[in-house]
Each structure stands twice: as C-alpha cells, then as structure tokens.
Protein backbone atom coordinates (compact mmCIF):
# COMPACT_ATOMS: atom_id res chain seq x y z
CA UNK A 1 69.70 99.71 125.23
CA UNK A 2 72.91 101.35 126.28
CA UNK A 3 74.83 104.63 125.84
CA UNK A 4 78.53 104.35 126.52
CA UNK A 5 81.17 107.03 125.91
CA UNK A 6 84.82 106.26 125.51
CA UNK A 7 87.17 109.17 126.10
CA UNK A 8 90.67 109.36 124.65
CA UNK A 9 92.90 112.25 125.56
CA UNK A 10 94.83 113.33 122.42
CA UNK A 11 97.70 115.78 122.46
CA UNK A 12 98.21 117.40 119.10
CA UNK A 13 101.19 119.69 118.55
CA UNK A 14 101.54 121.25 115.09
CA UNK A 15 101.42 117.92 113.26
CA UNK A 16 101.28 114.53 114.89
CA UNK A 17 100.40 110.93 114.43
CA UNK A 18 98.71 109.28 117.40
CA UNK A 19 98.27 105.52 117.77
CA UNK A 20 96.31 103.89 120.55
CA UNK A 21 96.23 100.10 120.74
CA UNK A 22 92.58 99.14 120.69
CA UNK A 23 89.83 99.00 123.19
CA UNK A 24 86.70 96.83 123.24
CA UNK A 25 83.05 97.14 124.37
CA UNK A 26 80.46 94.55 125.62
CA UNK A 27 77.09 94.61 127.50
CA UNK A 28 78.05 92.81 130.71
CA UNK A 29 78.26 95.22 133.70
CA UNK A 30 80.92 93.08 135.38
CA UNK A 31 83.08 93.26 132.28
CA UNK A 32 82.66 97.03 132.22
CA UNK A 33 83.74 97.38 135.84
CA UNK A 34 86.79 95.21 135.26
CA UNK A 35 87.86 97.37 132.34
CA UNK A 36 88.01 100.75 134.05
CA UNK A 37 91.58 100.43 135.07
CA UNK A 38 92.88 99.19 131.66
CA UNK A 39 92.58 99.78 127.94
CA UNK A 40 89.66 97.40 127.30
CA UNK A 41 85.97 97.65 127.98
CA UNK A 42 83.20 95.41 126.65
CA UNK A 43 79.87 96.63 125.50
CA UNK A 44 77.81 94.92 122.84
CA UNK A 45 80.77 93.01 121.45
CA UNK A 46 82.14 95.78 119.21
CA UNK A 47 85.88 96.43 119.43
CA UNK A 48 87.66 99.58 118.45
CA UNK A 49 91.28 99.27 117.38
CA UNK A 50 94.07 101.41 115.97
CA UNK A 51 92.71 104.86 116.67
CA UNK A 52 94.71 107.50 114.83
CA UNK A 53 94.53 111.28 114.76
CA UNK A 54 96.98 112.87 112.37
CA UNK A 55 97.31 116.56 111.60
CA UNK A 56 99.13 117.92 108.56
CA UNK A 57 98.65 121.64 107.94
CA UNK A 58 94.99 122.64 107.96
CA UNK A 59 93.64 119.05 107.93
CA UNK A 60 93.07 116.51 110.66
CA UNK A 61 92.69 112.86 109.69
CA UNK A 62 90.88 110.53 112.11
CA UNK A 63 90.82 106.83 111.54
CA UNK A 64 90.14 103.59 113.42
CA UNK A 65 89.09 99.99 112.90
CA UNK A 66 85.79 98.78 114.33
CA UNK A 67 85.88 94.99 114.71
CA UNK A 68 82.44 93.32 114.84
CA UNK A 69 83.53 89.68 115.18
CA UNK A 70 81.98 89.27 118.63
CA UNK A 71 78.97 91.50 118.05
CA UNK A 72 75.57 89.76 117.98
CA UNK A 73 72.62 91.83 116.78
CA UNK A 74 69.01 90.78 116.61
CA UNK A 75 67.35 91.11 113.25
CA UNK A 76 65.46 94.30 114.24
CA UNK A 77 68.35 95.77 116.16
CA UNK A 78 70.61 98.75 115.27
CA UNK A 79 73.84 99.89 116.86
CA UNK A 80 74.92 103.50 116.29
CA UNK A 81 78.47 104.66 117.01
CA UNK A 82 78.83 108.46 117.16
CA UNK A 83 82.41 109.71 117.31
CA UNK A 84 83.11 113.32 118.21
CA UNK A 85 86.01 115.60 119.15
CA UNK A 86 85.78 118.14 121.98
CA UNK A 87 87.86 120.45 124.17
CA UNK A 88 86.97 123.38 126.49
CA UNK A 89 83.46 123.77 125.18
CA UNK A 90 84.29 123.31 121.53
CA UNK A 91 83.08 120.18 119.81
CA UNK A 92 82.93 118.60 116.37
CA UNK A 93 80.73 115.62 115.53
CA UNK A 94 82.19 113.12 113.13
CA UNK A 95 80.27 110.90 110.68
CA UNK A 96 78.43 108.12 112.52
CA UNK A 97 78.47 104.36 112.01
CA UNK A 98 75.12 102.61 111.70
CA UNK A 99 75.37 98.83 112.22
CA UNK A 100 72.09 97.07 111.32
CA UNK A 101 70.60 93.65 111.87
CA UNK A 102 69.04 91.94 108.85
CA UNK A 103 65.52 93.37 109.06
CA UNK A 104 66.81 96.76 110.14
CA UNK A 105 69.02 96.83 107.02
CA UNK A 106 66.03 96.04 104.85
CA UNK A 107 64.12 98.92 106.45
CA UNK A 108 67.02 101.20 105.64
CA UNK A 109 67.29 100.04 102.03
CA UNK A 110 63.55 100.50 101.50
CA UNK A 111 63.65 104.00 102.97
CA UNK A 112 61.41 103.18 105.90
CA UNK A 113 63.93 104.69 108.38
CA UNK A 114 65.33 108.16 108.32
CA UNK A 115 68.39 108.14 106.01
CA UNK A 116 71.77 108.73 107.67
CA UNK A 117 73.38 112.07 107.00
CA UNK A 118 75.95 112.53 104.28
CA UNK A 119 79.22 110.86 105.20
CA UNK A 120 77.63 108.41 107.71
CA UNK A 121 78.59 104.77 107.30
CA UNK A 122 75.93 102.05 107.07
CA UNK A 123 76.89 98.43 107.58
CA UNK A 124 74.83 95.27 107.91
CA UNK A 125 76.00 92.94 110.67
CA UNK A 126 76.31 89.25 109.73
CA UNK A 127 76.36 87.42 113.03
CA UNK A 128 79.02 84.80 113.51
CA UNK A 129 81.27 86.13 110.72
CA UNK A 130 84.48 88.13 110.89
CA UNK A 131 83.69 91.71 110.00
CA UNK A 132 85.74 94.94 110.28
CA UNK A 133 84.76 98.54 109.43
CA UNK A 134 87.67 100.75 108.33
CA UNK A 135 86.71 104.23 109.51
CA UNK A 136 88.57 107.21 108.06
CA UNK A 137 87.53 110.87 107.89
CA UNK A 138 89.24 114.15 107.10
CA UNK A 139 88.12 117.35 108.84
CA UNK A 140 89.33 120.96 108.98
CA UNK A 141 91.84 121.47 111.73
CA UNK A 142 91.00 124.02 114.40
CA UNK A 143 93.29 125.36 117.08
CA UNK A 144 91.30 123.91 120.03
CA UNK A 145 92.19 120.45 118.73
CA UNK A 146 95.71 120.90 120.15
CA UNK A 147 94.37 119.54 123.48
CA UNK A 148 91.20 117.62 122.69
CA UNK A 149 89.24 114.57 123.75
CA UNK A 150 87.98 111.96 121.33
CA UNK A 151 84.66 110.33 122.30
CA UNK A 152 82.73 107.47 120.77
CA UNK A 153 79.09 107.32 121.88
CA UNK A 154 77.28 104.02 121.38
CA UNK A 155 73.49 103.82 121.14
CA UNK A 156 71.75 100.43 120.96
CA UNK A 157 68.23 100.67 119.57
CA UNK A 158 65.50 98.74 117.85
CA UNK A 159 62.31 99.76 115.99
CA UNK A 160 63.20 103.43 116.40
CA UNK A 161 63.68 103.41 120.23
CA UNK A 162 66.89 104.82 121.70
CA UNK A 163 67.67 104.96 125.41
CA UNK A 164 70.96 106.33 126.87
CA UNK A 165 72.78 104.08 129.30
CA UNK A 166 75.73 104.44 131.71
CA UNK A 167 78.97 106.14 130.75
CA UNK A 168 82.30 104.36 131.01
CA UNK A 169 85.56 106.39 130.89
CA UNK A 170 88.62 104.27 130.03
CA UNK A 171 92.07 104.75 131.45
CA UNK A 172 94.09 104.33 128.26
CA UNK A 173 97.83 103.73 127.95
CA UNK A 174 100.09 106.63 127.04
CA UNK A 175 99.63 107.64 123.45
CA UNK A 176 102.54 107.28 120.99
CA UNK A 177 103.06 110.72 119.46
CA UNK A 178 105.24 111.67 116.52
CA UNK A 179 105.59 114.80 114.38
CA UNK A 180 104.75 114.44 110.69
CA UNK A 181 105.75 117.31 108.37
CA UNK A 182 103.57 118.90 105.72
CA UNK A 183 103.70 117.82 102.09
CA UNK A 184 102.66 119.75 98.95
CA UNK A 185 101.23 118.11 95.81
CA UNK A 186 101.49 119.68 92.37
CA UNK A 187 98.57 120.14 89.97
CA UNK A 188 99.89 119.30 86.47
CA UNK A 189 99.09 121.91 83.83
CA UNK A 190 96.25 121.35 81.42
CA UNK A 191 97.77 120.44 78.05
CA UNK A 192 96.51 119.25 74.65
CA UNK A 193 96.13 115.48 74.63
CA UNK A 194 98.06 114.52 71.51
CA UNK A 195 99.16 110.92 71.01
CA UNK A 196 100.89 108.75 68.45
CA UNK A 197 100.94 105.04 67.73
CA UNK A 198 104.07 103.79 65.93
CA UNK A 199 104.30 100.34 64.44
CA UNK A 200 106.28 98.44 61.79
CA UNK A 201 104.73 96.20 59.15
CA UNK A 202 106.45 93.59 56.94
CA UNK A 203 104.11 93.51 53.96
CA UNK A 204 105.70 91.27 51.28
CA UNK A 205 105.88 91.96 47.56
CA UNK A 206 106.97 89.53 44.86
CA UNK A 207 110.51 90.18 43.62
CA UNK A 208 110.75 93.46 41.67
CA UNK A 209 106.95 93.97 41.85
CA UNK A 210 105.04 96.97 43.20
CA UNK A 211 101.57 95.36 43.00
CA UNK A 212 100.11 94.46 46.41
CA UNK A 213 98.73 90.95 46.84
CA UNK A 214 96.70 90.89 50.08
CA UNK A 215 96.71 87.08 50.30
CA UNK A 216 100.47 86.67 49.45
CA UNK A 217 102.62 84.95 52.12
CA UNK A 218 102.04 86.68 55.52
CA UNK A 219 100.24 89.68 54.08
CA UNK A 220 96.81 88.80 55.54
CA UNK A 221 98.08 89.09 59.08
CA UNK A 222 100.31 92.16 58.38
CA UNK A 223 97.58 94.11 56.58
CA UNK A 224 94.97 93.13 59.14
CA UNK A 225 97.14 94.55 61.94
CA UNK A 226 97.44 97.88 60.15
CA UNK A 227 93.72 98.13 59.40
CA UNK A 228 92.56 96.96 62.83
CA UNK A 229 94.88 99.40 64.61
CA UNK A 230 93.48 102.27 62.57
CA UNK A 231 89.87 101.16 63.13
CA UNK A 232 90.30 100.97 66.92
CA UNK A 233 91.34 104.62 66.94
CA UNK A 234 88.90 105.71 64.30
CA UNK A 235 85.89 104.13 66.04
CA UNK A 236 86.57 105.60 69.48
CA UNK A 237 84.09 108.43 70.02
CA UNK A 238 86.52 110.32 72.25
CA UNK A 239 89.29 110.36 69.61
CA UNK A 240 90.01 112.31 66.40
CA UNK A 241 92.65 111.10 64.01
CA UNK A 242 94.86 113.98 62.80
CA UNK A 243 97.22 112.07 60.42
CA UNK A 244 98.40 108.67 59.28
CA UNK A 245 102.01 108.53 58.05
CA UNK A 246 103.53 105.60 56.16
CA UNK A 247 107.28 105.35 55.49
CA UNK A 248 108.56 102.58 53.24
CA UNK A 249 112.07 101.05 53.17
CA UNK A 250 113.85 98.84 50.59
CA UNK A 251 116.83 96.57 51.32
CA UNK A 252 120.26 97.53 49.78
CA UNK A 253 120.87 94.53 47.45
CA UNK A 254 119.85 96.03 44.13
CA UNK A 255 120.87 99.16 42.11
CA UNK A 256 119.95 102.28 44.05
CA UNK A 257 117.72 103.71 41.30
CA UNK A 258 115.69 100.50 41.13
CA UNK A 259 115.31 100.46 44.94
CA UNK A 260 114.00 104.01 44.81
CA UNK A 261 111.38 102.93 42.31
CA UNK A 262 110.38 100.01 44.61
CA UNK A 263 110.37 101.91 47.90
CA UNK A 264 108.30 104.86 46.61
CA UNK A 265 105.72 102.86 44.71
CA UNK A 266 105.29 100.07 47.27
CA UNK A 267 104.65 102.71 50.00
CA UNK A 268 102.00 104.36 47.83
CA UNK A 269 100.40 100.99 47.03
CA UNK A 270 100.10 100.13 50.73
CA UNK A 271 98.69 103.61 51.45
CA UNK A 272 95.98 103.20 48.77
CA UNK A 273 94.95 99.83 50.17
CA UNK A 274 94.85 101.03 53.76
CA UNK A 275 92.87 104.15 52.90
CA UNK A 276 90.35 102.14 50.94
CA UNK A 277 89.87 99.58 53.73
CA UNK A 278 89.72 102.12 56.56
CA UNK A 279 87.38 104.52 54.68
CA UNK A 280 89.31 107.63 55.77
CA UNK A 281 89.91 110.88 53.85
CA UNK A 282 92.90 110.97 51.57
CA UNK A 283 94.13 114.19 53.22
CA UNK A 284 94.90 112.31 56.44
CA UNK A 285 97.57 110.19 54.76
CA UNK A 286 101.20 111.06 54.18
CA UNK A 287 103.67 108.82 52.34
CA UNK A 288 107.48 108.98 52.52
CA UNK A 289 110.23 106.45 51.90
CA UNK A 290 113.92 105.59 52.44
CA UNK A 291 115.50 104.06 49.34
CA UNK A 292 117.83 101.68 51.17
CA UNK A 293 117.77 100.86 54.85
CA UNK A 294 121.50 101.03 55.66
CA UNK A 295 120.74 102.13 59.24
CA UNK A 296 118.71 98.94 59.71
CA UNK A 297 121.61 96.87 58.39
CA UNK A 298 124.00 98.55 60.86
CA UNK A 299 121.61 97.72 63.73
CA UNK A 300 121.74 94.04 62.70
CA UNK A 301 125.55 94.16 62.61
CA UNK A 302 125.69 95.71 66.08
CA UNK A 303 123.08 93.49 67.65
CA UNK A 304 123.58 90.20 65.82
CA UNK A 305 127.11 90.51 64.47
CA UNK A 306 128.17 87.34 66.27
CA UNK A 307 126.26 85.37 63.64
CA UNK A 308 128.85 86.19 60.97
CA UNK A 309 132.70 86.28 60.90
CA UNK A 310 133.56 89.76 59.64
CA UNK A 311 130.81 91.88 61.17
CA UNK A 312 133.20 94.62 62.35
CA UNK A 313 134.78 94.96 58.92
CA UNK A 314 131.39 95.16 57.18
CA UNK A 315 130.22 97.72 59.75
CA UNK A 316 133.32 99.81 59.01
CA UNK A 317 132.45 99.83 55.28
CA UNK A 318 128.88 100.94 56.13
CA UNK A 319 130.26 103.84 58.21
CA UNK A 320 133.00 104.87 55.78
CA UNK A 321 132.00 108.34 54.50
CA UNK A 322 133.70 107.77 51.12
CA UNK A 323 130.78 105.49 50.19
CA UNK A 324 128.05 107.92 51.32
CA UNK A 325 127.36 109.19 47.80
CA UNK A 326 127.76 105.78 46.11
CA UNK A 327 125.69 103.14 47.91
CA UNK A 328 125.97 100.76 44.98
CA UNK A 329 129.77 100.78 45.33
CA UNK A 330 129.40 100.24 49.08
CA UNK A 331 127.19 97.22 48.48
CA UNK A 332 129.60 95.80 45.86
CA UNK A 333 132.53 96.25 48.28
CA UNK A 334 130.73 94.18 50.94
CA UNK A 335 129.57 91.54 48.43
CA UNK A 336 132.97 91.12 46.74
CA UNK A 337 135.12 91.01 49.93
CA UNK A 338 132.77 89.10 52.25
CA UNK A 339 130.59 87.01 49.96
CA UNK A 340 129.70 84.34 52.58
CA UNK A 341 128.59 86.98 55.04
CA UNK A 342 126.71 88.88 52.34
CA UNK A 343 124.80 85.74 51.35
CA UNK A 344 123.91 85.11 55.01
CA UNK A 345 122.69 88.69 55.49
CA UNK A 346 120.71 88.59 52.23
CA UNK A 347 118.87 85.46 53.38
CA UNK A 348 118.38 86.15 57.07
CA UNK A 349 118.52 89.93 57.62
CA UNK A 350 117.52 91.66 54.40
CA UNK A 351 113.88 90.56 54.49
CA UNK A 352 113.50 92.64 57.68
CA UNK A 353 114.98 95.65 55.93
CA UNK A 354 112.00 95.70 53.57
CA UNK A 355 109.32 97.16 55.76
CA UNK A 356 106.79 99.91 56.21
CA UNK A 357 106.68 101.99 59.38
CA UNK A 358 103.40 103.73 60.14
CA UNK A 359 102.32 106.36 62.63
CA UNK A 360 98.73 107.15 63.65
CA UNK A 361 98.51 110.58 65.25
CA UNK A 362 95.37 111.52 67.15
CA UNK A 363 93.90 113.76 69.83
CA UNK A 364 91.57 112.92 72.74
CA UNK A 365 88.84 115.29 73.83
CA UNK A 366 88.69 116.78 77.32
CA UNK A 367 86.53 115.09 80.01
CA UNK A 368 84.48 116.40 82.90
CA UNK A 369 85.46 115.07 86.33
CA UNK A 370 82.58 112.59 86.38
CA UNK A 371 83.45 111.40 82.86
CA UNK A 372 87.09 111.12 83.86
CA UNK A 373 86.20 108.87 86.79
CA UNK A 374 84.62 106.42 84.35
CA UNK A 375 87.42 106.68 81.82
CA UNK A 376 89.94 106.00 84.62
CA UNK A 377 88.51 102.49 85.02
CA UNK A 378 88.43 101.67 81.29
CA UNK A 379 90.95 103.71 79.29
CA UNK A 380 93.10 105.68 81.77
CA UNK A 381 95.63 106.42 79.03
CA UNK A 382 93.10 108.84 77.51
CA UNK A 383 93.26 111.09 80.60
CA UNK A 384 95.78 113.87 80.98
CA UNK A 385 97.72 114.16 84.20
CA UNK A 386 95.69 117.29 84.96
CA UNK A 387 92.41 115.33 84.61
CA UNK A 388 93.68 112.53 86.83
CA UNK A 389 94.77 115.09 89.44
CA UNK A 390 91.32 116.70 89.42
CA UNK A 391 89.71 113.26 89.90
CA UNK A 392 92.05 112.62 92.90
CA UNK A 393 90.92 115.85 94.50
CA UNK A 394 87.41 114.50 94.85
CA UNK A 395 88.71 111.85 97.27
CA UNK A 396 90.17 112.20 100.74
CA UNK A 397 94.01 112.26 100.62
CA UNK A 398 95.30 108.88 101.76
CA UNK A 399 92.10 107.06 100.80
CA UNK A 400 92.24 104.04 98.55
CA UNK A 401 90.64 105.85 95.53
CA UNK A 402 93.05 108.79 95.95
CA UNK A 403 96.05 106.48 96.10
CA UNK A 404 94.85 104.51 93.08
CA UNK A 405 94.69 107.64 90.94
CA UNK A 406 98.23 108.65 91.92
CA UNK A 407 99.55 105.15 91.16
CA UNK A 408 97.85 105.10 87.74
CA UNK A 409 99.21 108.54 86.90
CA UNK A 410 102.84 107.64 87.57
CA UNK A 411 102.51 104.22 85.93
CA UNK A 412 101.25 105.81 82.68
CA UNK A 413 103.76 108.72 82.88
CA UNK A 414 106.82 107.23 84.60
CA UNK A 415 109.13 110.10 83.62
CA UNK A 416 106.87 113.03 84.43
CA UNK A 417 108.14 115.03 87.39
CA UNK A 418 104.74 116.04 88.74
CA UNK A 419 103.41 112.46 88.57
CA UNK A 420 106.47 111.23 90.44
CA UNK A 421 106.23 113.94 93.06
CA UNK A 422 102.56 113.25 93.74
CA UNK A 423 103.19 109.48 93.93
CA UNK A 424 106.08 110.12 96.33
CA UNK A 425 103.97 112.37 98.55
CA UNK A 426 101.22 109.72 98.55
CA UNK A 427 103.75 107.11 99.78
CA UNK A 428 105.06 109.49 102.43
CA UNK A 429 101.56 110.04 103.75
CA UNK A 430 101.56 106.26 104.47
CA UNK A 431 104.94 106.40 106.20
CA UNK A 432 106.34 104.38 103.29
CA UNK A 433 109.31 106.61 102.67
CA UNK A 434 111.48 103.81 101.25
CA UNK A 435 109.05 103.39 98.36
CA UNK A 436 108.66 107.17 98.12
CA UNK A 437 112.35 107.80 97.49
CA UNK A 438 112.56 106.40 93.90
CA UNK A 439 109.58 108.57 92.93
CA UNK A 440 111.16 111.66 94.50
CA UNK A 441 114.42 110.99 92.68
CA UNK A 442 112.49 111.62 89.47
CA UNK A 443 110.43 114.54 90.85
CA UNK A 444 112.54 117.39 89.51
CA UNK A 445 113.72 120.47 91.37
CA UNK A 446 110.52 122.34 92.22
CA UNK A 447 109.98 123.67 95.74
CA UNK A 448 107.42 120.89 96.32
CA UNK A 449 109.98 118.23 95.37
CA UNK A 450 112.67 119.79 97.58
CA UNK A 451 110.23 119.96 100.48
CA UNK A 452 109.31 116.28 100.04
CA UNK A 453 112.94 115.25 100.06
CA UNK A 454 113.25 117.17 103.32
CA UNK A 455 110.40 115.06 104.73
CA UNK A 456 112.29 111.91 103.77
CA UNK A 457 115.45 113.22 105.46
CA UNK A 458 113.47 114.03 108.60
CA UNK A 459 111.88 110.59 108.74
CA UNK A 460 115.38 109.05 108.33
CA UNK A 461 116.67 111.16 111.23
CA UNK A 462 118.89 113.47 109.16
CA UNK A 463 117.74 116.77 110.60
CA UNK A 464 120.61 118.72 108.98
CA UNK A 465 119.52 117.60 105.52
CA UNK A 466 115.85 118.19 106.38
CA UNK A 467 116.62 121.74 107.49
CA UNK A 468 118.67 122.42 104.33
CA UNK A 469 115.81 121.19 102.10
CA UNK A 470 113.14 123.16 103.91
CA UNK A 471 115.25 126.33 103.95
CA UNK A 472 115.68 126.08 100.17
CA UNK A 473 112.02 125.27 99.52
CA UNK A 474 111.00 128.09 101.82
CA UNK A 475 113.20 130.55 99.91
CA UNK A 476 111.51 129.26 96.75
CA UNK A 477 108.20 130.41 98.24
CA UNK A 478 106.56 127.22 99.47
CA UNK A 479 104.52 127.91 102.64
CA UNK A 480 104.46 124.24 103.69
CA UNK A 481 108.27 124.25 103.83
CA UNK A 482 108.24 127.46 105.89
CA UNK A 483 105.91 125.86 108.46
CA UNK A 484 107.98 122.64 108.50
CA UNK A 485 111.13 124.62 109.13
CA UNK A 486 109.50 126.66 111.96
CA UNK A 487 108.19 123.51 113.63
CA UNK A 488 111.58 121.82 113.37
CA UNK A 489 113.26 124.85 114.98
CA UNK A 490 110.67 124.91 117.73
CA UNK A 491 110.99 121.24 118.57
CA UNK A 492 114.81 121.34 118.52
CA UNK A 493 114.72 124.35 120.79
CA UNK A 494 112.48 122.58 123.28
CA UNK A 495 114.64 119.44 123.42
C-alpha cells in the first residue's frame, strides 16, 4: 500500500496551454530512486502522459492520459489517483480516478463500497491488456492558479484499507507554454420549427384522360411514394402537418385550352386519391396547376440541348416575347420549322413535362433538453439550432459530446452563420485552425466571428491582423476580444 505524490510546477499567464511529456509510476523502490533526477518514476505500473492545463477566460481545463498497460492489480485491489491543484495555501481537489480489480469492481457495482463522488471516474483494470484512461475536467479559474502546483496522489488499497506511503517529487523537464486567446460562441435564437418536403411525381394518365388508374404503368410506385411520404410525417408524434400542396403540369403539345382542362382535372384527381389514402382533412390540401410546362422544356434545351441539332433556335422561339400570349402558335412554329427535333422532344422529353409537384409543410414541437439529447441520436433534423446549442451546454467544451453536437448542427445547417461560428470555435479549441477557417468564412460579421478570425490570425503569426480583428470586435462590445487585445498588448510590451 503506497501513497506517492507527483508535483508539476505550472506557470499560467492569462491563457496558456501546457504540455508535459509523460511520467510513469511503479512499486519498486530502486526504480523510484532512479527516477528522481528525470521525468519518469515507477509506482504500481500506472503511467501518466500528456498532462495539459489550459486556461481560456474564466475556465481552466486539465487533461491527461493514464496508461494502465503495465499495471497489475489483484482481484480485490483498488488503486485511487487523486489529482489536485495548489499554490500558497490554496488548493482545489479534482475528480479522482478509481481503478478496480475484478472483485473490487463487482463490489462497486453492487453498492457494497462507498460510491465515488460525482465526477469521479471508475475503471475496471483488465490485467495484461492495453488500457488508457482519458482524463479531462473543466474547473473555474482562480487567480492563485497563475503559479500553481499540480499533484497526483496515488493510494493503493484492498478491502477498504488505505495506508499512505513515501512521497516522490519528480524533476520534470521545462514545460512548453503558449498563449491561447479567448473565443466566444453564439446561442442561436429560438425560432419556430417549420419545415417543408418538396418532391416531384410522374403519375401517368392515358392520353386525353383525367381518370386515375392506380395500377397503370408506373403509377403503383409513384403513388406509393406520395402516400408513404405523407404517412411518415403524419405518424410522427412530434410533428403536425400544416398543409399539403399539389401543383400539376401538362406538356405543350396540344391546344392550350385542352391542356388547361387536363392539368386542372388531373391535379384534382390525384389530390382526391391522396387524401382518401392518407385519411387527412380536406382543408389541409391545396391544388394548383400550370397549363403548359414551357419552363421545363427550356431546362431540357439548356441541359440536354446537345441531343438535338437546333436547340439554340428552339430555345430562342421559347424566349421570344411575341409568342407569350399565343402558346399554340409558339408550339406550331417549333413543330413546323424543326419537325425532327420536335418529334424527338415529344418522345423523350415531354413525358417528364407531365408531372405533379407536391409540398408537405409541417411543424415540429419544442423539446426539453433531455428529450433533445434523445432526438439528437435519432432524428437530429427535428431539433432547432437553439435546442442543439442548449444540449451542447450540458457538456464540457472540447469534450467529445460537445464537439459532436456542434458538428451535427453545422452539417444540418451548412449556411447558418451561428452554426458555422460555433463549429469554427470548436475546431480552434482543438488547435485545428486550418479546418476552422472554412467555417469562419461562413460565420458572418458578428463580433464573435470577427474575434474568432483574430484568433486564427494570431495562431498563424499575423499579429497585425489579430490586433485589427480584436480592436473591431472590442468596439462592437465583445469582452472576450477586449481581454484578448489587452493580453496581446501586454505580451508584445514584455518582449
């Protein structure tokens, strides 16, 4: 049973990132004695690597990796690592790490032992296997932490007995210290969650008919797509359908008056069938139509004009304003001058000009934070940016769950300025400023966005640009930018 304390002197100035290449611990006294002059000591076989302390504003992040590969624990044994920060009589205990042997873990799971406090980490050791604990905590920053000592106390116990052992102080190499500016995230405003599904259906009618035959040609698949899309929305308990709009189109190969008859009545026929099959109120449905889809024909001419010889000439006829009030004359002009092309379009393009576009508009109810956490894993598109932001606030900034929420938000809302800003800040917190820059390019012109661009400039060594960004963001009223600017001036003055 041993009690060993490792002391790491940490210098924190305003904001810093400190990296210490790892140190190890083992039970052999000779190994301990050999380690006093270097960065390694061995006690119990646990190894601590990559100790970081990073301050940004009023927060201090402490992280490290605890490697258990060489640790051997008896089944009833328990190893407790107790990190703490201290300086000049002030101290702050950090969450502990409980490493259990097999039987000790069973005692813990059955509640036979006193439960660890909130935030403590419990891990079962599996002897002979590679095993690493990623330790990361976020604590309030206090001024005494500017010159503090980090300690990790190790207690080896079994069956409830704990006995302190000798203390080993390590002479660690010089810490690598760098300044990291403050960032500011934006909470998106709470807005109504209104959505729309837009699709196109190619329901086929016999020539000159307005009666719908559900089994005719490809109609089973086309009608099933419409009905199933509506039912998915209708049957979701979190969703309320507000309207279903159908807009029918006819192709421009017949007299205009006859096409108007077809377009209007076919749209209504499809609406009646869909309403009956979906069992929704008639008031939700709205039917409109376009008599002849000349815009659709022009799209074909622009996108697939290489399939025919005189595409440009036909497109010019479609755009000529003198035919605007006489579509039948326009059609006859194309048919009479370019008959081969007209026949090709009639066979290959016109079927796609006879279609029905439909829109399903709906709203999604608001969610509590706990509900939103569940929805995030199943239907994240039903969450607003505000709800996703509130979920992220329940996690430590920089943690995997926090980062995941920010990534989902910007993936679902790739043009939203606040989503891009928050994703960019998240990347900057990980020193990944190259991946942060594309997000920040789409982050708008808020003070928070200007401040973040200043952080990128600082990390790239462009202090002139960093100062300009922070001066502007400070004038816009952002306190983080004001503090960044003051720290930059102080550091440049001291150089």
